[in-house]
Amino acid sequence: AIPHLTCEIWSHKRAVPDGYSHPRVKL
């Protein structure tokens, strides 16, 4: 669901798999 959200998204690198990247998600 996360890639379909229209808002800016913040998280940290421990919360996603290694190498994860999405233009709307700031890690």
PDB file of all heavy atoms in Angstrom:
ATOM      1  N   ALA A   1       0.822  -1.214   0.000  1.00  0.00           N
ATOM      2  CA  ALA A   1       0.000   0.000   0.000  1.00  0.00           C
ATOM      3  C   ALA A   1       0.853   1.260   0.000  1.00  0.00           C
ATOM      4  O   ALA A   1       0.441   2.295  -0.549  1.00  0.00           O
ATOM      5  CB  ALA A   1      -0.921   0.008   1.217  1.00  0.00           C
ATOM      6  N   ILE A   2       2.034   1.195   0.611  1.00  0.00           N
ATOM      7  CA  ILE A   2       2.873   2.381   0.779  1.00  0.00           C
ATOM      8  C   ILE A   2       3.168   3.094  -0.547  1.00  0.00           C
ATOM      9  O   ILE A   2       3.055   4.327  -0.626  1.00  0.00           O
ATOM     10  CB  ILE A   2       4.165   2.016   1.528  1.00  0.00           C
ATOM     11  CG1 ILE A   2       3.847   1.682   2.989  1.00  0.00           C
ATOM     12  CG2 ILE A   2       5.186   3.156   1.454  1.00  0.00           C
ATOM     13  CD1 ILE A   2       5.019   1.127   3.776  1.00  0.00           C
ATOM     14  N   PRO A   3       3.524   2.381  -1.647  1.00  0.00           N
ATOM     15  CA  PRO A   3       3.834   3.090  -2.897  1.00  0.00           C
ATOM     16  C   PRO A   3       2.651   3.831  -3.501  1.00  0.00           C
ATOM     17  O   PRO A   3       2.839   4.711  -4.350  1.00  0.00           O
ATOM     18  CB  PRO A   3       4.295   1.954  -3.831  1.00  0.00           C
ATOM     19  CG  PRO A   3       4.723   0.851  -2.919  1.00  0.00           C
ATOM     20  CD  PRO A   3       3.792   0.938  -1.747  1.00  0.00           C
ATOM     21  N   HIS A   4       1.437   3.500  -3.082  1.00  0.00           N
ATOM     22  CA  HIS A   4       0.250   4.128  -3.653  1.00  0.00           C
ATOM     23  C   HIS A   4      -0.210   5.359  -2.867  1.00  0.00           C
ATOM     24  O   HIS A   4      -1.137   6.047  -3.294  1.00  0.00           O
ATOM     25  CB  HIS A   4      -0.890   3.113  -3.729  1.00  0.00           C
ATOM     26  CG  HIS A   4      -0.572   1.920  -4.587  1.00  0.00           C
ATOM     27  ND1 HIS A   4      -0.504   1.991  -5.963  1.00  0.00           N
ATOM     28  CD2 HIS A   4      -0.271   0.640  -4.254  1.00  0.00           C
ATOM     29  CE1 HIS A   4      -0.192   0.799  -6.456  1.00  0.00           C
ATOM     30  NE2 HIS A   4      -0.035  -0.035  -5.434  1.00  0.00           N
ATOM     31  N   LEU A   5       0.427   5.621  -1.739  1.00  0.00           N
ATOM     32  CA  LEU A   5       0.075   6.805  -0.968  1.00  0.00           C
ATOM     33  C   LEU A   5       0.569   8.059  -1.685  1.00  0.00           C
ATOM     34  O   LEU A   5       1.613   8.044  -2.341  1.00  0.00           O
ATOM     35  CB  LEU A   5       0.679   6.723   0.435  1.00  0.00           C
ATOM     36  CG  LEU A   5       0.205   5.555   1.303  1.00  0.00           C
ATOM     37  CD1 LEU A   5       0.965   5.536   2.628  1.00  0.00           C
ATOM     38  CD2 LEU A   5      -1.286   5.621   1.555  1.00  0.00           C
ATOM     39  N   THR A   6      -0.178   9.133  -1.555  1.00  0.00           N
ATOM     40  CA  THR A   6       0.200  10.375  -2.228  1.00  0.00           C
ATOM     41  C   THR A   6       0.993  11.320  -1.328  1.00  0.00           C
ATOM     42  O   THR A   6       1.512  12.330  -1.801  1.00  0.00           O
ATOM     43  CB  THR A   6      -1.052  11.112  -2.733  1.00  0.00           C
ATOM     44  OG1 THR A   6      -1.920  11.393  -1.626  1.00  0.00           O
ATOM     45  CG2 THR A   6      -1.793  10.269  -3.765  1.00  0.00           C
ATOM     46  N   CYS A   7       1.072  11.007  -0.042  1.00  0.00           N
ATOM     47  CA  CYS A   7       1.791  11.884   0.878  1.00  0.00           C
ATOM     48  C   CYS A   7       3.284  11.578   0.870  1.00  0.00           C
ATOM     49  O   CYS A   7       3.723  10.518   0.433  1.00  0.00           O
ATOM     50  CB  CYS A   7       1.240  11.739   2.298  1.00  0.00           C
ATOM     51  SG  CYS A   7       1.462  10.091   3.024  1.00  0.00           S
ATOM     52  N   GLU A   8       4.048  12.530   1.365  1.00  0.00           N
ATOM     53  CA  GLU A   8       5.458  12.301   1.625  1.00  0.00           C
ATOM     54  C   GLU A   8       5.564  11.329   2.803  1.00  0.00           C
ATOM     55  O   GLU A   8       4.749  11.386   3.721  1.00  0.00           O
ATOM     56  CB  GLU A   8       6.103  13.638   1.980  1.00  0.00           C
ATOM     57  CG  GLU A   8       7.564  13.576   2.349  1.00  0.00           C
ATOM     58  CD  GLU A   8       8.085  14.941   2.753  1.00  0.00           C
ATOM     59  OE1 GLU A   8       7.580  15.515   3.741  1.00  0.00           O
ATOM     60  OE2 GLU A   8       8.995  15.441   2.078  1.00  0.00           O
ATOM     61  N   ILE A   9       6.552  10.434   2.777  1.00  0.00           N
ATOM     62  CA  ILE A   9       6.669   9.421   3.821  1.00  0.00           C
ATOM     63  C   ILE A   9       8.094   9.426   4.380  1.00  0.00           C
ATOM     64  O   ILE A   9       9.065   9.477   3.629  1.00  0.00           O
ATOM     65  CB  ILE A   9       6.339   8.014   3.280  1.00  0.00           C
ATOM     66  CG1 ILE A   9       4.931   7.997   2.677  1.00  0.00           C
ATOM     67  CG2 ILE A   9       6.453   6.962   4.383  1.00  0.00           C
ATOM     68  CD1 ILE A   9       4.627   6.747   1.879  1.00  0.00           C
ATOM     69  N   TRP A  10       8.167   9.382   5.717  1.00  0.00           N
ATOM     70  CA  TRP A  10       9.459   9.303   6.392  1.00  0.00           C
ATOM     71  C   TRP A  10       9.552   7.998   7.184  1.00  0.00           C
ATOM     72  O   TRP A  10       8.580   7.555   7.783  1.00  0.00           O
ATOM     73  CB  TRP A  10       9.625  10.469   7.361  1.00  0.00           C
ATOM     74  CG  TRP A  10       9.840  11.794   6.699  1.00  0.00           C
ATOM     75  CD1 TRP A  10       8.934  12.500   5.968  1.00  0.00           C
ATOM     76  CD2 TRP A  10      11.030  12.573   6.721  1.00  0.00           C
ATOM     77  NE1 TRP A  10       9.481  13.674   5.532  1.00  0.00           N
ATOM     78  CE2 TRP A  10      10.766  13.749   5.987  1.00  0.00           C
ATOM     79  CE3 TRP A  10      12.288  12.398   7.311  1.00  0.00           C
ATOM     80  CZ2 TRP A  10      11.717  14.749   5.812  1.00  0.00           C
ATOM     81  CZ3 TRP A  10      13.227  13.399   7.146  1.00  0.00           C
ATOM     82  CH2 TRP A  10      12.946  14.553   6.393  1.00  0.00           C
ATOM     83  N   SER A  11      10.746   7.430   7.173  1.00  0.00           N
ATOM     84  CA  SER A  11      10.983   6.233   7.978  1.00  0.00           C
ATOM     85  C   SER A  11      12.483   6.159   8.255  1.00  0.00           C
ATOM     86  O   SER A  11      13.214   7.109   7.981  1.00  0.00           O
ATOM     87  CB  SER A  11      10.489   4.981   7.239  1.00  0.00           C
ATOM     88  OG  SER A  11      10.579   3.849   8.094  1.00  0.00           O
ATOM     89  N   HIS A  12      12.935   5.037   8.819  1.00  0.00           N
ATOM     90  CA  HIS A  12      14.372   4.857   8.970  1.00  0.00           C
ATOM     91  C   HIS A  12      14.786   3.526   8.372  1.00  0.00           C
ATOM     92  O   HIS A  12      13.950   2.672   8.061  1.00  0.00           O
ATOM     93  CB  HIS A  12      14.828   5.004  10.423  1.00  0.00           C
ATOM     94  CG  HIS A  12      14.315   3.964  11.369  1.00  0.00           C
ATOM     95  ND1 HIS A  12      14.657   2.642  11.288  1.00  0.00           N
ATOM     96  CD2 HIS A  12      13.490   4.068  12.435  1.00  0.00           C
ATOM     97  CE1 HIS A  12      14.078   1.967  12.254  1.00  0.00           C
ATOM     98  NE2 HIS A  12      13.359   2.799  12.964  1.00  0.00           N
ATOM     99  N   LYS A  13      16.076   3.379   8.159  1.00  0.00           N
ATOM    100  CA  LYS A  13      16.572   2.270   7.358  1.00  0.00           C
ATOM    101  C   LYS A  13      16.360   0.910   8.006  1.00  0.00           C
ATOM    102  O   LYS A  13      16.356  -0.107   7.321  1.00  0.00           O
ATOM    103  CB  LYS A  13      18.056   2.495   7.043  1.00  0.00           C
ATOM    104  CG  LYS A  13      18.264   3.702   6.136  1.00  0.00           C
ATOM    105  CD  LYS A  13      19.716   3.904   5.766  1.00  0.00           C
ATOM    106  CE  LYS A  13      19.874   5.102   4.828  1.00  0.00           C
ATOM    107  NZ  LYS A  13      21.288   5.331   4.456  1.00  0.00           N
ATOM    108  N   ARG A  14      16.150   0.890   9.322  1.00  0.00           N
ATOM    109  CA  ARG A  14      15.903  -0.396   9.974  1.00  0.00           C
ATOM    110  C   ARG A  14      14.479  -0.890   9.739  1.00  0.00           C
ATOM    111  O   ARG A  14      14.178  -2.047  10.005  1.00  0.00           O
ATOM    112  CB  ARG A  14      16.132  -0.266  11.473  1.00  0.00           C
ATOM    113  CG  ARG A  14      17.545   0.110  11.872  1.00  0.00           C
ATOM    114  CD  ARG A  14      17.667   0.108  13.375  1.00  0.00           C
ATOM    115  NE  ARG A  14      18.766   0.937  13.828  1.00  0.00           N
ATOM    116  CZ  ARG A  14      18.991   1.210  15.102  1.00  0.00           C
ATOM    117  NH1 ARG A  14      18.180   0.737  16.024  1.00  0.00           N
ATOM    118  NH2 ARG A  14      20.008   1.967  15.454  1.00  0.00           N
ATOM    119  N   ALA A  15      13.603  -0.013   9.280  1.00  0.00           N
ATOM    120  CA  ALA A  15      12.194  -0.378   9.130  1.00  0.00           C
ATOM    121  C   ALA A  15      11.868  -0.952   7.761  1.00  0.00           C
ATOM    122  O   ALA A  15      10.724  -1.352   7.513  1.00  0.00           O
ATOM    123  CB  ALA A  15      11.309   0.837   9.391  1.00  0.00           C
ATOM    124  N   VAL A  16      12.849  -1.003   6.866  1.00  0.00           N
ATOM    125  CA  VAL A  16      12.616  -1.501   5.510  1.00  0.00           C
ATOM    126  C   VAL A  16      13.730  -2.486   5.152  1.00  0.00           C
ATOM    127  O   VAL A  16      14.783  -2.506   5.796  1.00  0.00           O
ATOM    128  CB  VAL A  16      12.585  -0.336   4.497  1.00  0.00           C
ATOM    129  CG1 VAL A  16      11.413   0.595   4.792  1.00  0.00           C
ATOM    130  CG2 VAL A  16      13.898   0.428   4.501  1.00  0.00           C
ATOM    131  N   PRO A  17      13.538  -3.297   4.127  1.00  0.00           N
ATOM    132  CA  PRO A  17      14.591  -4.237   3.729  1.00  0.00           C
ATOM    133  C   PRO A  17      15.833  -3.509   3.225  1.00  0.00           C
ATOM    134  O   PRO A  17      15.760  -2.364   2.746  1.00  0.00           O
ATOM    135  CB  PRO A  17      13.931  -5.039   2.591  1.00  0.00           C
ATOM    136  CG  PRO A  17      12.466  -4.819   2.745  1.00  0.00           C
ATOM    137  CD  PRO A  17      12.302  -3.464   3.338  1.00  0.00           C
ATOM    138  N   ASP A  18      16.971  -4.150   3.316  1.00  0.00           N
ATOM    139  CA  ASP A  18      18.211  -3.585   2.797  1.00  0.00           C
ATOM    140  C   ASP A  18      18.046  -3.263   1.315  1.00  0.00           C
ATOM    141  O   ASP A  18      17.520  -4.068   0.541  1.00  0.00           O
ATOM    142  CB  ASP A  18      19.369  -4.567   2.977  1.00  0.00           C
ATOM    143  CG  ASP A  18      19.761  -4.739   4.437  1.00  0.00           C
ATOM    144  OD1 ASP A  18      19.376  -3.874   5.249  1.00  0.00           O
ATOM    145  OD2 ASP A  18      20.442  -5.735   4.755  1.00  0.00           O
ATOM    146  N   GLY A  19      18.487  -2.087   0.940  1.00  0.00           N
ATOM    147  CA  GLY A  19      18.420  -1.700  -0.461  1.00  0.00           C
ATOM    148  C   GLY A  19      17.089  -1.122  -0.902  1.00  0.00           C
ATOM    149  O   GLY A  19      16.931  -0.749  -2.066  1.00  0.00           O
ATOM    150  N   TYR A  20      16.126  -1.015   0.020  1.00  0.00           N
ATOM    151  CA  TYR A  20      14.805  -0.494  -0.351  1.00  0.00           C
ATOM    152  C   TYR A  20      14.918   0.964  -0.788  1.00  0.00           C
ATOM    153  O   TYR A  20      15.635   1.756  -0.200  1.00  0.00           O
ATOM    154  CB  TYR A  20      13.846  -0.581   0.832  1.00  0.00           C
ATOM    155  CG  TYR A  20      12.479   0.022   0.565  1.00  0.00           C
ATOM    156  CD1 TYR A  20      11.502  -0.708  -0.090  1.00  0.00           C
ATOM    157  CD2 TYR A  20      12.183   1.330   0.954  1.00  0.00           C
ATOM    158  CE1 TYR A  20      10.243  -0.170  -0.339  1.00  0.00           C
ATOM    159  CE2 TYR A  20      10.927   1.879   0.712  1.00  0.00           C
ATOM    160  CZ  TYR A  20       9.970   1.128   0.060  1.00  0.00           C
ATOM    161  OH  TYR A  20       8.736   1.669  -0.188  1.00  0.00           O
ATOM    162  N   SER A  21      14.189   1.287  -1.841  1.00  0.00           N
ATOM    163  CA  SER A  21      14.195   2.660  -2.335  1.00  0.00           C
ATOM    164  C   SER A  21      12.852   2.972  -2.979  1.00  0.00           C
ATOM    165  O   SER A  21      12.298   2.138  -3.704  1.00  0.00           O
ATOM    166  CB  SER A  21      15.318   2.856  -3.367  1.00  0.00           C
ATOM    167  OG  SER A  21      15.272   4.153  -3.906  1.00  0.00           O
ATOM    168  N   HIS A  22      12.313   4.131  -2.662  1.00  0.00           N
ATOM    169  CA  HIS A  22      11.099   4.629  -3.309  1.00  0.00           C
ATOM    170  C   HIS A  22      11.186   6.152  -3.305  1.00  0.00           C
ATOM    171  O   HIS A  22      11.569   6.752  -2.297  1.00  0.00           O
ATOM    172  CB  HIS A  22       9.844   4.159  -2.580  1.00  0.00           C
ATOM    173  CG  HIS A  22       8.588   4.476  -3.320  1.00  0.00           C
ATOM    174  ND1 HIS A  22       7.984   5.710  -3.251  1.00  0.00           N
ATOM    175  CD2 HIS A  22       7.835   3.740  -4.177  1.00  0.00           C
ATOM    176  CE1 HIS A  22       6.900   5.705  -4.018  1.00  0.00           C
ATOM    177  NE2 HIS A  22       6.793   4.533  -4.587  1.00  0.00           N
ATOM    178  N   PRO A  23      10.846   6.794  -4.432  1.00  0.00           N
ATOM    179  CA  PRO A  23      11.033   8.251  -4.507  1.00  0.00           C
ATOM    180  C   PRO A  23      10.241   9.046  -3.484  1.00  0.00           C
ATOM    181  O   PRO A  23      10.612  10.174  -3.157  1.00  0.00           O
ATOM    182  CB  PRO A  23      10.574   8.591  -5.938  1.00  0.00           C
ATOM    183  CG  PRO A  23       9.757   7.413  -6.384  1.00  0.00           C
ATOM    184  CD  PRO A  23      10.344   6.237  -5.688  1.00  0.00           C
ATOM    185  N   ARG A  24       9.170   8.475  -2.951  1.00  0.00           N
ATOM    186  CA  ARG A  24       8.348   9.216  -1.996  1.00  0.00           C
ATOM    187  C   ARG A  24       8.743   8.924  -0.546  1.00  0.00           C
ATOM    188  O   ARG A  24       8.265   9.579   0.374  1.00  0.00           O
ATOM    189  CB  ARG A  24       6.865   8.888  -2.205  1.00  0.00           C
ATOM    190  CG  ARG A  24       5.926   9.938  -1.599  1.00  0.00           C
ATOM    191  CD  ARG A  24       4.472   9.697  -1.987  1.00  0.00           C
ATOM    192  NE  ARG A  24       4.283   9.937  -3.402  1.00  0.00           N
ATOM    193  CZ  ARG A  24       3.876   9.023  -4.271  1.00  0.00           C
ATOM    194  NH1 ARG A  24       3.614   7.795  -3.864  1.00  0.00           N
ATOM    195  NH2 ARG A  24       3.736   9.313  -5.539  1.00  0.00           N
ATOM    196  N   VAL A  25       9.583   7.927  -0.332  1.00  0.00           N
ATOM    197  CA  VAL A  25       9.951   7.520   1.023  1.00  0.00           C
ATOM    198  C   VAL A  25      11.343   8.033   1.366  1.00  0.00           C
ATOM    199  O   VAL A  25      12.321   7.708   0.683  1.00  0.00           O
ATOM    200  CB  VAL A  25       9.905   5.989   1.178  1.00  0.00           C
ATOM    201  CG1 VAL A  25      10.279   5.582   2.602  1.00  0.00           C
ATOM    202  CG2 VAL A  25       8.527   5.448   0.817  1.00  0.00           C
ATOM    203  N   LYS A  26      11.425   8.849   2.406  1.00  0.00           N
ATOM    204  CA  LYS A  26      12.703   9.380   2.864  1.00  0.00           C
ATOM    205  C   LYS A  26      13.217   8.498   4.004  1.00  0.00           C
ATOM    206  O   LYS A  26      12.550   8.350   5.023  1.00  0.00           O
ATOM    207  CB  LYS A  26      12.540  10.829   3.348  1.00  0.00           C
ATOM    208  CG  LYS A  26      12.033  11.789   2.273  1.00  0.00           C
ATOM    209  CD  LYS A  26      11.889  13.186   2.833  1.00  0.00           C
ATOM    210  CE  LYS A  26      11.306  14.138   1.803  1.00  0.00           C
ATOM    211  NZ  LYS A  26      12.173  14.311   0.634  1.00  0.00           N
ATOM    212  N   LEU A  27      14.375   7.911   3.806  1.00  0.00           N
ATOM    213  CA  LEU A  27      14.945   7.014   4.804  1.00  0.00           C
ATOM    214  C   LEU A  27      16.109   7.701   5.510  1.00  0.00           C
ATOM    215  O   LEU A  27      17.028   8.213   4.882  1.00  0.00           O
ATOM    216  CB  LEU A  27      15.437   5.729   4.140  1.00  0.00           C
ATOM    217  CG  LEU A  27      14.362   4.869   3.469  1.00  0.00           C
ATOM    218  CD1 LEU A  27      14.998   3.669   2.791  1.00  0.00           C
ATOM    219  CD2 LEU A  27      13.319   4.423   4.490  1.00  0.00           C
TER     220      LEU A  27
END
